[in-house]
């Protein structure tokens, strides 16, 4: 049988039983949750969440087959509420025959709220066991009532070892795979294919089919695939990324925390991952500005200027030249002394404002541009700091209810150590002024 008139290799090699399934041992190994559910031949409604090519659809088919249920495949991309009604009628008929129905909804996150709500009564009544597959974080994309009725199972990107197993299985399978083609892959070519797959079995198998067309017949009649042919025939690998979904937040979180922990190497890695995945560099620049104020603050006042300059530099140069300005800024921020004292101080102020409301401004620091305001005591007793030999005066600036509260507590790190020393000296001078009265 030739491969030219068959389904794609990824479809032909799709496992038909659990023993052939590769990966996701945290769910399927003996004693794990899915293994136990299958042993009991009972499945609750599930949401399978994971990157593409990790086995969500395959696993759903195997689960349905293992429980003897009627399986309905439903694509959220191609179908709508009308098709849901037809499925409900079909499920009711199967129920009369004593057969349970498993409805598999691929890319369930693409359904809007009303479409997701249409499943609710039928999942709740037990007419349907719903298995939804999604590459997006269910807590962001699935309505709360439906989410509460399903167990979320997280599928991980396939390991290099799992991908290698799938590769050799497809290469040697003469019935469904490429075994009849007498292919030989050089070891570097295999490693390159597996690395390009990036945890995605479908991508690996699709790439194998393309690689087979690049094979060169040698003197012995073996069709060889070299690393050179692979590099010439394949475009650059694309990384998993969703610019508005969970991976977007995961990567920016990794960058932020690497800089906070003063790790320039980790910071550069996550910056490069975001840039290579297609993230908007100006978004990254805005996050660097936020980091400079939140995590460095006055420990290094230059950090904010460096971040602003990096944004302006990228805006002027664009990619790829401007990306180096972001690199420079990330290294600077990662290696700068850290302080969140400004962030903490502002949070305390906001908390007190929310607690105490609109407290009046003390009279002595109010402006008095009119005669009436002067008569009412506006500005009375105000001391002009520049009239003091040390430019310091002992007067309160907070509302009476908050007198004596200190919000800003500088650290001993970087420039803030200078600020802390300065404030300590000023407070000592003011204390002396008060005692000399």
Protein backbone atom coordinates (compact mmCIF):
# COMPACT_ATOMS: atom_id res chain seq x y z
CA UNK A 1 0.00 0.00 0.00
CA UNK A 2 1.42 3.40 -0.96
CA UNK A 3 1.16 6.43 1.23
CA UNK A 4 0.09 8.85 -1.50
CA UNK A 5 -3.61 7.97 -1.38
CA UNK A 6 -3.89 7.72 2.40
CA UNK A 7 -4.75 10.08 5.22
CA UNK A 8 -1.96 12.25 6.67
CA UNK A 9 0.62 10.35 8.69
CA UNK A 10 -0.52 12.00 11.95
CA UNK A 11 -4.03 10.65 11.42
CA UNK A 12 -2.86 7.19 10.34
CA UNK A 13 -0.62 6.86 13.39
CA UNK A 14 -3.27 8.00 15.86
CA UNK A 15 -3.34 5.42 18.71
CA UNK A 16 -6.50 3.33 18.87
CA UNK A 17 -6.06 1.94 22.39
CA UNK A 18 -4.60 3.13 25.63
CA UNK A 19 -1.60 0.81 25.45
CA UNK A 20 -0.44 2.62 22.29
CA UNK A 21 -0.80 6.10 23.77
CA UNK A 22 2.52 7.83 24.42
CA UNK A 23 3.01 10.45 27.13
CA UNK A 24 0.82 12.02 29.85
CA UNK A 25 1.93 9.46 32.42
CA UNK A 26 0.81 11.82 35.19
CA UNK A 27 -2.77 11.04 34.11
CA UNK A 28 -2.58 7.55 32.62
CA UNK A 29 0.04 5.59 34.57
CA UNK A 30 -1.24 2.81 36.79
CA UNK A 31 -2.94 4.25 39.83
CA UNK A 32 -3.33 7.72 38.33
CA UNK A 33 -6.71 9.40 37.97
CA UNK A 34 -7.65 8.50 34.39
CA UNK A 35 -6.34 4.97 34.79
CA UNK A 36 -8.60 4.55 37.79
CA UNK A 37 -11.64 6.03 36.01
CA UNK A 38 -11.14 3.72 33.04
CA UNK A 39 -10.77 0.74 35.35
CA UNK A 40 -14.14 1.60 36.83
CA UNK A 41 -15.53 2.26 33.30
CA UNK A 42 -16.99 5.56 34.46
CA UNK A 43 -16.11 8.98 33.15
CA UNK A 44 -17.19 12.38 34.48
CA UNK A 45 -17.32 15.37 32.17
CA UNK A 46 -13.77 16.51 31.45
CA UNK A 47 -11.86 19.46 30.07
CA UNK A 48 -8.57 18.45 28.46
CA UNK A 49 -6.29 21.45 28.53
CA UNK A 50 -2.91 21.44 26.83
CA UNK A 51 -0.83 22.63 23.87
CA UNK A 52 -1.50 21.33 20.34
CA UNK A 53 -0.35 17.82 19.50
CA UNK A 54 -0.35 16.46 23.06
CA UNK A 55 -3.11 13.89 22.51
CA UNK A 56 -6.36 15.57 23.55
CA UNK A 57 -8.49 14.28 20.66
CA UNK A 58 -6.82 10.87 20.67
CA UNK A 59 -7.34 10.48 24.38
CA UNK A 60 -11.01 11.42 24.11
CA UNK A 61 -11.59 8.77 21.42
CA UNK A 62 -9.81 6.11 23.47
CA UNK A 63 -11.80 7.03 26.58
CA UNK A 64 -15.08 6.71 24.70
CA UNK A 65 -14.05 3.40 23.17
CA UNK A 66 -12.91 2.06 26.53
CA UNK A 67 -16.26 2.80 28.16
CA UNK A 68 -18.37 1.52 25.25
CA UNK A 69 -20.07 4.90 24.88
CA UNK A 70 -21.40 6.45 21.70
CA UNK A 71 -18.82 9.03 20.61
CA UNK A 72 -19.73 12.29 18.84
CA UNK A 73 -17.00 14.55 17.54
CA UNK A 74 -17.95 18.22 17.45
CA UNK A 75 -15.81 21.13 16.28
CA UNK A 76 -16.46 24.48 17.93
CA UNK A 77 -14.92 26.12 14.87
CA UNK A 78 -17.33 24.60 12.34
CA UNK A 79 -20.59 24.10 14.25
CA UNK A 80 -23.08 26.05 16.34
CA UNK A 81 -26.25 25.83 18.47
CA UNK A 82 -28.26 24.23 15.64
CA UNK A 83 -25.92 21.26 15.55
CA UNK A 84 -26.06 21.03 19.35
CA UNK A 85 -29.82 20.45 19.16
CA UNK A 86 -29.30 17.61 16.67
CA UNK A 87 -26.72 16.05 18.98
CA UNK A 88 -29.11 16.25 21.93
CA UNK A 89 -31.78 14.39 19.90
CA UNK A 90 -29.23 11.74 18.93
CA UNK A 91 -28.12 11.35 22.56
CA UNK A 92 -31.70 10.90 23.73
CA UNK A 93 -32.23 8.14 21.16
CA UNK A 94 -29.04 6.39 22.32
CA UNK A 95 -30.18 6.75 25.93
CA UNK A 96 -33.39 4.87 25.05
CA UNK A 97 -31.15 2.10 23.69
CA UNK A 98 -29.20 2.02 26.95
CA UNK A 99 -26.06 3.57 25.43
CA UNK A 100 -24.31 6.54 26.97
CA UNK A 101 -23.08 9.41 24.80
CA UNK A 102 -19.73 11.14 25.04
CA UNK A 103 -19.65 14.46 23.24
CA UNK A 104 -16.17 15.61 22.38
CA UNK A 105 -15.97 19.34 21.64
CA UNK A 106 -12.71 20.33 19.99
CA UNK A 107 -11.50 23.89 20.69
CA UNK A 108 -14.36 24.45 23.13
CA UNK A 109 -12.89 27.84 24.06
CA UNK A 110 -14.13 29.15 20.70
CA UNK A 111 -17.75 28.83 21.84
CA UNK A 112 -19.30 32.01 23.18
CA UNK A 113 -21.19 32.14 26.49
CA UNK A 114 -24.61 31.25 25.06
CA UNK A 115 -23.19 28.30 23.14
CA UNK A 116 -21.44 26.97 26.23
CA UNK A 117 -24.60 27.50 28.29
CA UNK A 118 -26.51 25.28 25.83
CA UNK A 119 -24.58 22.26 27.13
CA UNK A 120 -25.30 22.89 30.80
CA UNK A 121 -28.70 21.22 31.36
CA UNK A 122 -27.69 18.13 29.39
CA UNK A 123 -24.39 17.73 31.19
CA UNK A 124 -26.15 18.24 34.52
CA UNK A 125 -28.88 15.72 33.71
CA UNK A 126 -26.31 13.10 32.65
CA UNK A 127 -27.63 12.88 29.11
CA UNK A 128 -24.16 13.86 27.87
CA UNK A 129 -20.70 13.27 29.17
CA UNK A 130 -18.82 16.26 27.85
CA UNK A 131 -15.14 16.11 26.97
CA UNK A 132 -13.88 19.49 25.86
CA UNK A 133 -10.43 20.11 24.41
CA UNK A 134 -8.78 23.49 24.66
CA UNK A 135 -5.38 25.06 24.23
CA UNK A 136 -6.51 28.04 26.31
CA UNK A 137 -6.66 28.29 30.09
CA UNK A 138 -10.19 27.10 30.99
CA UNK A 139 -10.45 29.59 33.84
CA UNK A 140 -10.19 32.38 31.24
CA UNK A 141 -12.30 30.88 28.46
CA UNK A 142 -14.95 28.56 29.93
CA UNK A 143 -18.05 29.91 31.68
CA UNK A 144 -18.10 29.27 35.43
CA UNK A 145 -21.22 27.02 35.53
CA UNK A 146 -19.78 24.68 32.89
CA UNK A 147 -16.32 24.78 34.45
CA UNK A 148 -17.75 23.74 37.82
CA UNK A 149 -19.36 20.65 36.24
CA UNK A 150 -16.17 19.40 34.61
CA UNK A 151 -12.86 18.08 35.87
CA UNK A 152 -9.91 19.87 34.29
CA UNK A 153 -7.03 17.64 33.21
CA UNK A 154 -3.81 19.32 32.14
CA UNK A 155 -1.84 17.70 29.32
CA UNK A 156 1.85 18.57 29.09
CA UNK A 157 4.03 19.06 25.99
CA UNK A 158 5.49 15.71 25.04
CA UNK A 159 8.98 15.00 26.28
CA UNK A 160 11.90 14.39 23.92
CA UNK A 161 11.80 10.72 24.89
CA UNK A 162 8.08 10.45 24.06
CA UNK A 163 8.61 12.17 20.71
CA UNK A 164 11.49 9.82 19.90
CA UNK A 165 9.23 6.85 20.63
CA UNK A 166 6.57 8.24 18.28
CA UNK A 167 9.20 8.95 15.63
CA UNK A 168 10.61 5.40 15.58
CA UNK A 169 7.13 3.89 15.73
CA UNK A 170 6.06 5.84 12.63
CA UNK A 171 9.34 5.13 10.84
CA UNK A 172 9.05 1.36 11.31
CA UNK A 173 5.28 0.88 10.85
CA UNK A 174 4.81 -0.50 7.34
CA UNK A 175 1.00 -0.49 7.53
CA UNK A 176 0.17 3.00 8.78
CA UNK A 177 3.57 4.66 8.94
CA UNK A 178 6.57 5.10 6.66
CA UNK A 179 8.05 1.63 7.09
CA UNK A 180 7.58 0.61 3.47
CA UNK A 181 9.63 3.56 2.19
CA UNK A 182 12.98 2.18 3.39
CA UNK A 183 13.95 5.50 4.99
CA UNK A 184 17.09 6.19 6.96
CA UNK A 185 17.33 9.36 9.04
CA UNK A 186 20.76 10.51 10.15
CA UNK A 187 20.92 10.93 13.93
CA UNK A 188 21.40 14.74 13.69
CA UNK A 189 18.36 14.88 11.40
CA UNK A 190 16.28 12.96 13.95
CA UNK A 191 17.38 15.29 16.74
CA UNK A 192 16.54 18.29 14.57
CA UNK A 193 13.05 16.96 13.78
CA UNK A 194 12.29 16.25 17.43
CA UNK A 195 13.56 19.66 18.53
CA UNK A 196 11.43 21.37 15.84
CA UNK A 197 8.35 19.50 17.07
CA UNK A 198 8.56 21.42 20.36
CA UNK A 199 6.49 18.90 22.29
CA UNK A 200 3.87 18.50 19.52
CA UNK A 201 3.37 14.96 18.13
CA UNK A 202 1.28 16.16 15.19
CA UNK A 203 3.98 18.61 14.17
CA UNK A 204 6.58 15.84 14.40
CA UNK A 205 4.61 13.44 12.20
CA UNK A 206 3.76 16.13 9.65
CA UNK A 207 7.44 17.05 9.49
CA UNK A 208 8.36 13.39 8.99
CA UNK A 209 6.16 13.25 5.91
CA UNK A 210 7.83 16.33 4.47
CA UNK A 211 11.26 14.95 5.35
CA UNK A 212 10.47 11.74 3.48
CA UNK A 213 10.07 13.78 0.31
CA UNK A 214 13.55 15.24 0.86
CA UNK A 215 15.20 11.80 1.06
CA UNK A 216 18.03 11.02 -1.37
CA UNK A 217 18.44 7.48 -2.72
CA UNK A 218 21.88 6.04 -2.01
CA UNK A 219 23.75 3.20 -3.75
CA UNK A 220 22.16 0.52 -1.57
CA UNK A 221 18.63 1.66 -2.39
CA UNK A 222 18.09 3.29 1.00
CA UNK A 223 16.44 6.67 1.04
CA UNK A 224 18.53 8.86 3.35
CA UNK A 225 17.48 12.05 5.09
CA UNK A 226 20.38 14.28 6.16
CA UNK A 227 20.49 17.21 8.53
CA UNK A 228 21.48 19.47 5.62
CA UNK A 229 18.38 18.47 3.69
CA UNK A 230 16.25 19.10 6.77
CA UNK A 231 17.69 22.57 7.32
CA UNK A 232 17.26 23.47 3.65
CA UNK A 233 13.73 22.11 3.44
CA UNK A 234 12.19 23.43 6.64
CA UNK A 235 11.51 26.95 7.68
CA UNK A 236 12.51 28.20 11.09
CA UNK A 237 10.67 26.60 13.98
CA UNK A 238 7.80 28.58 15.47
CA UNK A 239 7.37 28.57 19.23
CA UNK A 240 4.17 28.00 21.17
CA UNK A 241 2.66 31.33 22.03
CA UNK A 242 -0.72 32.99 22.40
CA UNK A 243 -0.41 36.74 22.50
CA UNK A 244 -3.57 37.20 24.59
CA UNK A 245 -3.79 33.89 26.44
CA UNK A 246 -2.09 32.07 29.27
CA UNK A 247 1.31 31.58 27.64
CA UNK A 248 1.53 35.35 27.16
CA UNK A 249 1.08 35.86 30.91
CA UNK A 250 3.38 32.95 31.76
CA UNK A 251 6.28 34.40 29.78
CA UNK A 252 5.94 37.98 30.99
CA UNK A 253 5.69 36.63 34.54
CA UNK A 254 8.89 34.64 34.00
CA UNK A 255 10.67 37.73 32.68
CA UNK A 256 9.45 39.91 35.55
CA UNK A 257 10.41 37.40 38.25
CA UNK A 258 13.82 36.70 36.70
CA UNK A 259 14.62 40.42 36.77
CA UNK A 260 13.25 40.74 40.32
CA UNK A 261 15.56 37.91 41.39
CA UNK A 262 18.53 39.74 39.78
CA UNK A 263 19.18 36.96 37.23
CA UNK A 264 20.31 38.55 33.94
CA UNK A 265 20.61 35.17 32.18
CA UNK A 266 17.07 34.04 32.94
CA UNK A 267 15.80 37.54 32.14
CA UNK A 268 17.48 37.53 28.71
CA UNK A 269 16.15 34.06 27.93
CA UNK A 270 12.52 35.01 28.59
CA UNK A 271 12.93 38.30 26.74
CA UNK A 272 14.24 36.42 23.71
CA UNK A 273 11.45 33.84 23.96
CA UNK A 274 8.85 36.59 23.86
CA UNK A 275 10.47 38.45 20.99
CA UNK A 276 11.01 35.30 18.92
CA UNK A 277 7.41 34.22 19.54
CA UNK A 278 6.07 37.45 18.08
CA UNK A 279 5.22 39.48 21.19
CA UNK A 280 4.88 43.22 20.61
CA UNK A 281 8.24 44.71 21.70
CA UNK A 282 6.52 47.91 22.82
CA UNK A 283 4.38 45.85 25.21
CA UNK A 284 7.59 44.45 26.69
CA UNK A 285 9.00 47.98 26.94
CA UNK A 286 5.94 49.12 28.88
CA UNK A 287 6.38 46.23 31.27
CA UNK A 288 10.03 47.19 31.80
CA UNK A 289 8.94 50.71 32.73
CA UNK A 290 6.49 49.26 35.25
CA UNK A 291 9.21 47.00 36.65
CA UNK A 292 11.60 49.93 37.07
CA UNK A 293 9.09 51.75 39.27
CA UNK A 294 7.67 48.76 41.15
CA UNK A 295 10.76 46.65 41.86
CA UNK A 296 13.66 49.12 41.73
CA UNK A 297 12.25 52.55 42.48
CA UNK A 298 14.66 54.86 44.25
CA UNK A 299 17.22 52.11 44.86
CA UNK A 300 18.39 53.15 41.38
CA UNK A 301 16.52 56.20 40.02
CA UNK A 302 18.28 55.71 36.66
CA UNK A 303 16.35 52.48 36.08
CA UNK A 304 13.23 54.39 35.04
CA UNK A 305 15.24 56.57 32.64
CA UNK A 306 16.91 53.50 31.12
CA UNK A 307 13.50 51.86 30.60
CA UNK A 308 11.99 54.96 29.03
CA UNK A 309 15.01 55.36 26.76
CA UNK A 310 14.75 51.71 25.68
CA UNK A 311 11.13 52.22 24.68
CA UNK A 312 11.98 55.38 22.75
CA UNK A 313 14.94 53.67 21.08
CA UNK A 314 12.84 50.73 19.93
CA UNK A 315 10.10 53.08 18.75
CA UNK A 316 12.71 54.91 16.64
CA UNK A 317 14.60 51.89 15.27
CA UNK A 318 12.06 49.07 15.13
CA UNK A 319 13.08 45.43 14.75
CA UNK A 320 15.59 43.94 14.76
CA UNK A 321 17.93 46.86 15.59
CA UNK A 322 15.75 48.27 18.35
CA UNK A 323 15.53 44.94 20.17
CA UNK A 324 19.06 45.44 21.46
CA UNK A 325 17.84 48.48 23.42
CA UNK A 326 15.39 46.16 25.21
CA UNK A 327 18.23 43.71 25.84
CA UNK A 328 20.34 46.48 27.36
CA UNK A 329 17.46 47.61 29.56
CA UNK A 330 16.68 44.09 30.76
CA UNK A 331 20.30 43.51 31.76
CA UNK A 332 20.36 46.88 33.57
CA UNK A 333 17.12 46.19 35.44
CA UNK A 334 18.13 42.65 36.38
CA UNK A 335 21.45 43.81 37.82
CA UNK A 336 20.17 46.97 39.52
CA UNK A 337 19.62 47.10 43.32
CA UNK A 338 16.01 46.26 44.14
CA UNK A 339 13.43 48.02 46.29
CA UNK A 340 9.64 47.97 46.32
CA UNK A 341 9.52 50.67 49.03
CA UNK A 342 7.79 53.17 46.72
CA UNK A 343 5.22 50.55 45.68
CA UNK A 344 4.57 49.55 49.31
CA UNK A 345 4.33 53.19 50.43
CA UNK A 346 1.77 54.03 47.75
CA UNK A 347 -0.28 50.92 48.58
CA UNK A 348 -0.39 51.99 52.25
CA UNK A 349 -1.49 55.50 51.29
CA UNK A 350 -4.29 54.17 49.08
CA UNK A 351 -5.42 51.84 51.86
CA UNK A 352 -5.60 54.73 54.36
CA UNK A 353 -7.46 56.94 51.90
CA UNK A 354 -10.04 54.19 51.31
CA UNK A 355 -10.37 53.72 55.07
CA UNK A 356 -10.55 57.37 56.16
CA UNK A 357 -12.14 59.06 53.15
CA UNK A 358 -11.67 62.75 52.29
CA UNK A 359 -9.84 64.06 55.33
CA UNK A 360 -9.45 67.86 55.33
CA UNK A 361 -6.12 69.46 54.46
CA UNK A 362 -4.55 70.97 57.63
CA UNK A 363 -5.18 74.73 57.70
CA UNK A 364 -1.52 75.74 57.97
CA UNK A 365 -0.57 74.17 54.61
CA UNK A 366 -3.58 75.49 52.72
CA UNK A 367 -3.10 78.31 50.26
CA UNK A 368 -4.83 81.60 51.14
CA UNK A 369 -5.29 83.67 47.95
CA UNK A 370 -8.31 85.65 49.32
CA UNK A 371 -8.92 87.76 52.39
CA UNK A 372 -11.80 85.54 53.54
CA UNK A 373 -9.57 82.46 53.42
CA UNK A 374 -6.94 84.24 55.52
CA UNK A 375 -9.62 85.20 58.04
CA UNK A 376 -10.69 81.55 58.21
CA UNK A 377 -7.13 80.59 59.17
CA UNK A 378 -5.91 79.27 55.84
CA UNK A 379 -2.09 79.29 55.89
CA UNK A 380 -1.93 80.43 59.51
CA UNK A 381 1.23 79.25 61.22
CA UNK A 382 2.84 77.97 58.04
CA UNK A 383 6.64 77.86 58.26
CA UNK A 384 8.59 78.55 55.06
CA UNK A 385 11.36 75.91 54.86
CA UNK A 386 13.83 78.20 53.09
CA UNK A 387 13.78 80.59 56.07
CA UNK A 388 15.44 77.84 58.13
CA UNK A 389 19.28 77.62 58.05
CA UNK A 390 19.00 73.90 57.26
CA UNK A 391 15.85 74.24 55.07
CA UNK A 392 13.92 72.09 57.54
CA UNK A 393 10.87 73.03 59.62
CA UNK A 394 8.91 71.07 62.20
CA UNK A 395 5.33 71.03 60.99
CA UNK A 396 2.78 68.35 60.12
CA UNK A 397 1.69 67.71 56.54
CA UNK A 398 -0.78 64.85 57.01
CA UNK A 399 -4.39 65.20 58.18
CA UNK A 400 -4.70 65.21 61.95
CA UNK A 401 -6.07 61.64 62.03
CA UNK A 402 -2.92 60.37 60.33
CA UNK A 403 -0.25 62.44 62.06
CA UNK A 404 2.93 60.52 62.65
CA UNK A 405 2.24 57.82 60.06
CA UNK A 406 5.23 56.84 57.91
CA UNK A 407 4.50 55.38 54.51
CA UNK A 408 7.87 55.42 52.79
CA UNK A 409 10.50 53.22 54.44
CA UNK A 410 13.61 53.23 52.23
CA UNK A 411 15.82 50.16 52.17
CA UNK A 412 19.57 49.92 52.67
CA UNK A 413 20.08 49.04 48.99
CA UNK A 414 21.52 51.24 46.26
CA UNK A 415 20.59 54.91 46.18
CA UNK A 416 17.87 54.30 48.76
CA UNK A 417 20.59 53.81 51.37
CA UNK A 418 21.55 57.46 50.74
CA UNK A 419 17.89 58.51 51.01
CA UNK A 420 17.51 56.56 54.25
CA UNK A 421 20.60 58.17 55.74
CA UNK A 422 19.37 61.62 54.67
CA UNK A 423 15.93 61.11 56.22
CA UNK A 424 17.47 59.84 59.44
CA UNK A 425 19.64 62.96 59.72
CA UNK A 426 16.72 65.27 58.90
CA UNK A 427 14.52 63.65 61.51
CA UNK A 428 17.30 64.01 64.07
CA UNK A 429 17.64 67.74 63.26
CA UNK A 430 13.90 68.26 63.52
CA UNK A 431 13.88 66.46 66.85
CA UNK A 432 16.61 68.79 68.10
CA UNK A 433 14.62 71.83 66.89
CA UNK A 434 11.60 70.62 68.82
CA UNK A 435 13.58 69.98 72.04
CA UNK A 436 15.21 73.45 71.84
CA UNK A 437 11.88 75.26 71.87
